[in-house]
């Protein structure tokens, strides 16, 4: 599939679909692994030269409006998890290697997947950097910057996000 066609299908046509469940089915048709009951609001895809199959959503996952999803590496959103509006799920960093920036010699291009386990809540406007992992039953507060792993049952927030409390969850 050409880049222009893929851009049209993902970033122009997809937002025109009238319901989040229809949008999820559309992304499944394009190659994403989408479970049952998934709802995906108007999102923006970047690095679309990589496969749509890099997006995986478990049953009943919700992705809020204006979320940026980087397809450079796998983005896995577990069942019953929620990604709040305005979040950025970034699976790559690149200081300009595509135009031979001198900075790319110091900061080489790097891609690594993101794992959002089941029953996780990512608060609005949070950013997950390459390699981030949020374990089961955790909450990331709004406007947080996540790099690395947030352990299970944790409440974490801030820039950078740090664990503030371990939650008592019966599961």
C-alpha atoms as a PDB file:
ATOM      1  CA  UNK A   1       0.000   0.000   0.000  1.00  0.00           C
ATOM      2  CA  UNK A   2       1.433   3.392  -0.923  1.00  0.00           C
ATOM      3  CA  UNK A   3       2.293   5.926   1.761  1.00  0.00           C
ATOM      4  CA  UNK A   4      -0.241   8.441   0.411  1.00  0.00           C
ATOM      5  CA  UNK A   5      -3.060   5.896   0.375  1.00  0.00           C
ATOM      6  CA  UNK A   6      -2.183   4.697   3.866  1.00  0.00           C
ATOM      7  CA  UNK A   7      -2.101   8.320   5.119  1.00  0.00           C
ATOM      8  CA  UNK A   8      -5.528   8.920   3.586  1.00  0.00           C
ATOM      9  CA  UNK A   9      -7.016   5.755   5.100  1.00  0.00           C
ATOM     10  CA  UNK A  10      -5.546   6.293   8.594  1.00  0.00           C
ATOM     11  CA  UNK A  11      -5.547  10.060   9.121  1.00  0.00           C
ATOM     12  CA  UNK A  12      -8.176  11.461   6.730  1.00  0.00           C
ATOM     13  CA  UNK A  13     -10.877   8.805   6.299  1.00  0.00           C
ATOM     14  CA  UNK A  14     -10.708   7.208   9.758  1.00  0.00           C
ATOM     15  CA  UNK A  15     -11.718  10.400  11.660  1.00  0.00           C
ATOM     16  CA  UNK A  16     -14.785  10.697   9.422  1.00  0.00           C
ATOM     17  CA  UNK A  17     -16.181   7.402  10.672  1.00  0.00           C
ATOM     18  CA  UNK A  18     -19.170   8.205  12.907  1.00  0.00           C
ATOM     19  CA  UNK A  19     -18.541   5.951  15.921  1.00  0.00           C
ATOM     20  CA  UNK A  20     -15.470   4.773  17.899  1.00  0.00           C
ATOM     21  CA  UNK A  21     -16.443   1.096  17.521  1.00  0.00           C
ATOM     22  CA  UNK A  22     -16.717   1.494  13.738  1.00  0.00           C
ATOM     23  CA  UNK A  23     -13.292   3.151  13.717  1.00  0.00           C
ATOM     24  CA  UNK A  24     -11.863   0.188  15.651  1.00  0.00           C
ATOM     25  CA  UNK A  25     -13.316  -2.235  13.088  1.00  0.00           C
ATOM     26  CA  UNK A  26     -11.855  -0.094  10.289  1.00  0.00           C
ATOM     27  CA  UNK A  27      -8.387  -0.309  11.844  1.00  0.00           C
ATOM     28  CA  UNK A  28      -8.834  -4.067  12.198  1.00  0.00           C
ATOM     29  CA  UNK A  29      -9.561  -4.256   8.458  1.00  0.00           C
ATOM     30  CA  UNK A  30      -6.352  -2.299   7.838  1.00  0.00           C
ATOM     31  CA  UNK A  31      -4.307  -4.851   9.825  1.00  0.00           C
ATOM     32  CA  UNK A  32      -4.399  -3.808  13.490  1.00  0.00           C
ATOM     33  CA  UNK A  33      -5.115  -6.494  16.083  1.00  0.00           C
ATOM     34  CA  UNK A  34      -8.342  -5.275  17.673  1.00  0.00           C
ATOM     35  CA  UNK A  35     -10.310  -7.159  20.332  1.00  0.00           C
ATOM     36  CA  UNK A  36     -14.049  -7.068  20.935  1.00  0.00           C
ATOM     37  CA  UNK A  37     -15.720  -3.943  22.290  1.00  0.00           C
ATOM     38  CA  UNK A  38     -12.718  -1.702  21.514  1.00  0.00           C
ATOM     39  CA  UNK A  39     -13.485   2.004  21.082  1.00  0.00           C
ATOM     40  CA  UNK A  40     -11.047   4.305  19.331  1.00  0.00           C
ATOM     41  CA  UNK A  41     -11.835   8.000  19.112  1.00  0.00           C
ATOM     42  CA  UNK A  42     -10.246  10.329  16.536  1.00  0.00           C
ATOM     43  CA  UNK A  43      -6.535   9.563  16.784  1.00  0.00           C
ATOM     44  CA  UNK A  44      -3.497  10.574  14.762  1.00  0.00           C
ATOM     45  CA  UNK A  45      -1.035   8.026  13.412  1.00  0.00           C
ATOM     46  CA  UNK A  46       2.620   8.890  12.797  1.00  0.00           C
ATOM     47  CA  UNK A  47       5.386   6.822  11.208  1.00  0.00           C
ATOM     48  CA  UNK A  48       2.769   5.183   9.011  1.00  0.00           C
ATOM     49  CA  UNK A  49       5.398   3.626   6.751  1.00  0.00           C
ATOM     50  CA  UNK A  50       5.458   0.877   9.403  1.00  0.00           C
ATOM     51  CA  UNK A  51       2.698  -1.772   9.552  1.00  0.00           C
ATOM     52  CA  UNK A  52      -0.691  -1.032  11.074  1.00  0.00           C
ATOM     53  CA  UNK A  53      -0.309  -4.467  12.690  1.00  0.00           C
ATOM     54  CA  UNK A  54       2.005  -2.740  15.198  1.00  0.00           C
ATOM     55  CA  UNK A  55      -1.193  -1.600  16.951  1.00  0.00           C
ATOM     56  CA  UNK A  56      -2.768  -4.151  19.277  1.00  0.00           C
ATOM     57  CA  UNK A  57      -5.793  -3.494  21.476  1.00  0.00           C
ATOM     58  CA  UNK A  58      -7.299  -6.037  23.863  1.00  0.00           C
ATOM     59  CA  UNK A  59     -11.020  -6.450  24.510  1.00  0.00           C
ATOM     60  CA  UNK A  60     -12.856  -3.349  25.736  1.00  0.00           C
ATOM     61  CA  UNK A  61      -9.828  -1.067  25.408  1.00  0.00           C
ATOM     62  CA  UNK A  62     -10.568   2.635  24.935  1.00  0.00           C
ATOM     63  CA  UNK A  63      -8.348   5.173  23.149  1.00  0.00           C
ATOM     64  CA  UNK A  64      -9.427   8.788  23.636  1.00  0.00           C
ATOM     65  CA  UNK A  65      -9.582  11.628  21.179  1.00  0.00           C
ATOM     66  CA  UNK A  66      -6.428  13.342  19.855  1.00  0.00           C
ATOM     67  CA  UNK A  67      -4.133  10.499  20.905  1.00  0.00           C
ATOM     68  CA  UNK A  68      -0.959  10.242  18.806  1.00  0.00           C
ATOM     69  CA  UNK A  69       0.042   6.650  18.006  1.00  0.00           C
ATOM     70  CA  UNK A  70       3.544   6.020  16.629  1.00  0.00           C
ATOM     71  CA  UNK A  71       3.626   2.874  14.472  1.00  0.00           C
ATOM     72  CA  UNK A  72       7.464   2.560  14.421  1.00  0.00           C
ATOM     73  CA  UNK A  73       7.233  -0.355  16.859  1.00  0.00           C
ATOM     74  CA  UNK A  74       4.500  -2.306  18.607  1.00  0.00           C
ATOM     75  CA  UNK A  75       1.919  -0.452  20.697  1.00  0.00           C
ATOM     76  CA  UNK A  76       0.004  -2.923  22.846  1.00  0.00           C
ATOM     77  CA  UNK A  77      -3.013  -1.760  24.848  1.00  0.00           C
ATOM     78  CA  UNK A  78      -4.372  -4.447  27.159  1.00  0.00           C
ATOM     79  CA  UNK A  79      -7.969  -5.400  27.791  1.00  0.00           C
ATOM     80  CA  UNK A  80     -10.107  -2.981  29.800  1.00  0.00           C
ATOM     81  CA  UNK A  81      -7.439  -0.275  29.575  1.00  0.00           C
ATOM     82  CA  UNK A  82      -8.067   3.394  28.894  1.00  0.00           C
ATOM     83  CA  UNK A  83      -5.766   5.873  27.172  1.00  0.00           C
ATOM     84  CA  UNK A  84      -7.048   9.375  27.929  1.00  0.00           C
ATOM     85  CA  UNK A  85      -7.441  12.190  25.422  1.00  0.00           C
ATOM     86  CA  UNK A  86      -4.372  13.959  24.091  1.00  0.00           C
ATOM     87  CA  UNK A  87      -1.863  11.249  25.016  1.00  0.00           C
ATOM     88  CA  UNK A  88       1.209  10.481  22.904  1.00  0.00           C
ATOM     89  CA  UNK A  89       2.363   6.887  22.526  1.00  0.00           C
ATOM     90  CA  UNK A  90       5.832   7.334  21.033  1.00  0.00           C
ATOM     91  CA  UNK A  91       7.787   4.248  19.966  1.00  0.00           C
ATOM     92  CA  UNK A  92      10.729   6.009  18.362  1.00  0.00           C
ATOM     93  CA  UNK A  93      13.111   8.890  18.879  1.00  0.00           C
ATOM     94  CA  UNK A  94      15.021  10.456  16.036  1.00  0.00           C
ATOM     95  CA  UNK A  95      17.062  13.654  16.163  1.00  0.00           C
ATOM     96  CA  UNK A  96      17.038  14.003  12.376  1.00  0.00           C
ATOM     97  CA  UNK A  97      18.841  10.993  10.932  1.00  0.00           C
ATOM     98  CA  UNK A  98      16.672  11.246   7.807  1.00  0.00           C
ATOM     99  CA  UNK A  99      18.367  14.547   6.901  1.00  0.00           C
ATOM    100  CA  UNK A 100      21.817  13.800   8.351  1.00  0.00           C
ATOM    101  CA  UNK A 101      21.486  16.027  11.393  1.00  0.00           C
ATOM    102  CA  UNK A 102      24.672  16.233  13.454  1.00  0.00           C
ATOM    103  CA  UNK A 103      22.521  15.611  16.526  1.00  0.00           C
ATOM    104  CA  UNK A 104      21.677  12.147  15.211  1.00  0.00           C
ATOM    105  CA  UNK A 105      25.342  11.216  15.704  1.00  0.00           C
ATOM    106  CA  UNK A 106      24.943  11.972  19.421  1.00  0.00           C
ATOM    107  CA  UNK A 107      21.347  10.715  19.717  1.00  0.00           C
ATOM    108  CA  UNK A 108      20.945   7.866  17.212  1.00  0.00           C
ATOM    109  CA  UNK A 109      17.533   6.729  16.032  1.00  0.00           C
ATOM    110  CA  UNK A 110      15.928   4.317  18.478  1.00  0.00           C
ATOM    111  CA  UNK A 111      12.665   2.339  18.299  1.00  0.00           C
ATOM    112  CA  UNK A 112      11.108   0.231  21.024  1.00  0.00           C
ATOM    113  CA  UNK A 113       7.552  -0.898  21.688  1.00  0.00           C
ATOM    114  CA  UNK A 114       5.113   0.270  24.343  1.00  0.00           C
ATOM    115  CA  UNK A 115       3.174  -2.108  26.574  1.00  0.00           C
ATOM    116  CA  UNK A 116       0.053  -0.975  28.401  1.00  0.00           C
ATOM    117  CA  UNK A 117      -1.094  -4.031  30.335  1.00  0.00           C
ATOM    118  CA  UNK A 118      -4.710  -4.849  31.222  1.00  0.00           C
ATOM    119  CA  UNK A 119      -6.872  -2.652  33.457  1.00  0.00           C
ATOM    120  CA  UNK A 120      -4.611   0.399  33.154  1.00  0.00           C
ATOM    121  CA  UNK A 121      -5.689   4.040  33.052  1.00  0.00           C
ATOM    122  CA  UNK A 122      -3.425   6.569  31.324  1.00  0.00           C
ATOM    123  CA  UNK A 123      -4.516  10.105  32.238  1.00  0.00           C
ATOM    124  CA  UNK A 124      -5.087  12.859  29.686  1.00  0.00           C
ATOM    125  CA  UNK A 125      -2.141  14.471  27.878  1.00  0.00           C
ATOM    126  CA  UNK A 126       0.406  11.950  29.139  1.00  0.00           C
ATOM    127  CA  UNK A 127       3.374  10.895  27.016  1.00  0.00           C
ATOM    128  CA  UNK A 128       4.817   7.389  26.930  1.00  0.00           C
ATOM    129  CA  UNK A 129       8.347   7.201  25.527  1.00  0.00           C
ATOM    130  CA  UNK A 130       9.890   4.258  23.632  1.00  0.00           C
ATOM    131  CA  UNK A 131      10.171   1.129  25.771  1.00  0.00           C
ATOM    132  CA  UNK A 132       7.603   2.238  28.352  1.00  0.00           C
ATOM    133  CA  UNK A 133       5.662  -0.469  30.142  1.00  0.00           C
ATOM    134  CA  UNK A 134       2.680   0.063  32.411  1.00  0.00           C
ATOM    135  CA  UNK A 135       1.810  -3.065  34.384  1.00  0.00           C
ATOM    136  CA  UNK A 136      -1.665  -4.312  35.437  1.00  0.00           C
ATOM    137  CA  UNK A 137      -4.083  -2.180  37.460  1.00  0.00           C
ATOM    138  CA  UNK A 138      -1.890   0.928  37.367  1.00  0.00           C
ATOM    139  CA  UNK A 139      -2.894   4.558  36.947  1.00  0.00           C
ATOM    140  CA  UNK A 140      -0.755   7.232  35.289  1.00  0.00           C
ATOM    141  CA  UNK A 141      -1.832  10.748  36.232  1.00  0.00           C
ATOM    142  CA  UNK A 142      -2.648  13.419  33.666  1.00  0.00           C
ATOM    143  CA  UNK A 143       0.197  15.248  31.902  1.00  0.00           C
ATOM    144  CA  UNK A 144       2.805  12.713  33.008  1.00  0.00           C
ATOM    145  CA  UNK A 145       5.948  11.692  31.134  1.00  0.00           C
ATOM    146  CA  UNK A 146       6.606   7.948  31.330  1.00  0.00           C
ATOM    147  CA  UNK A 147       9.948   6.334  30.559  1.00  0.00           C
ATOM    148  CA  UNK A 148      10.627   2.782  31.713  1.00  0.00           C
ATOM    149  CA  UNK A 149       8.307   0.594  33.769  1.00  0.00           C
ATOM    150  CA  UNK A 150       5.466   1.506  36.084  1.00  0.00           C
ATOM    151  CA  UNK A 151       4.874  -1.552  38.310  1.00  0.00           C
ATOM    152  CA  UNK A 152       1.514  -3.269  38.853  1.00  0.00           C
ATOM    153  CA  UNK A 153      -1.083  -1.545  41.049  1.00  0.00           C
ATOM    154  CA  UNK A 154       0.836   1.739  41.115  1.00  0.00           C
ATOM    155  CA  UNK A 155      -0.339   5.322  41.022  1.00  0.00           C
ATOM    156  CA  UNK A 156       2.336   7.275  39.171  1.00  0.00           C
ATOM    157  CA  UNK A 157       2.456  10.834  37.913  1.00  0.00           C
ATOM    158  CA  UNK A 158       4.776  13.742  37.212  1.00  0.00           C
ATOM    159  CA  UNK A 159       7.615  14.654  34.877  1.00  0.00           C
ATOM    160  CA  UNK A 160       9.171  12.156  34.957  1.00  0.00           C
ATOM    161  CA  UNK A 161       6.390   9.904  36.246  1.00  0.00           C
ATOM    162  CA  UNK A 162       7.290   8.328  39.557  1.00  0.00           C
ATOM    163  CA  UNK A 163       5.322   5.938  41.736  1.00  0.00           C
ATOM    164  CA  UNK A 164       3.516   7.848  44.472  1.00  0.00           C
ATOM    165  CA  UNK A 165       1.444   5.019  45.903  1.00  0.00           C
ATOM    166  CA  UNK A 166       0.753   1.306  45.544  1.00  0.00           C
ATOM    167  CA  UNK A 167      -2.979   0.774  45.105  1.00  0.00           C
ATOM    168  CA  UNK A 168      -4.994  -1.854  46.937  1.00  0.00           C
ATOM    169  CA  UNK A 169      -6.837  -3.728  44.178  1.00  0.00           C
ATOM    170  CA  UNK A 170      -8.781  -6.951  44.550  1.00  0.00           C
ATOM    171  CA  UNK A 171      -8.368  -9.016  41.387  1.00  0.00           C
END
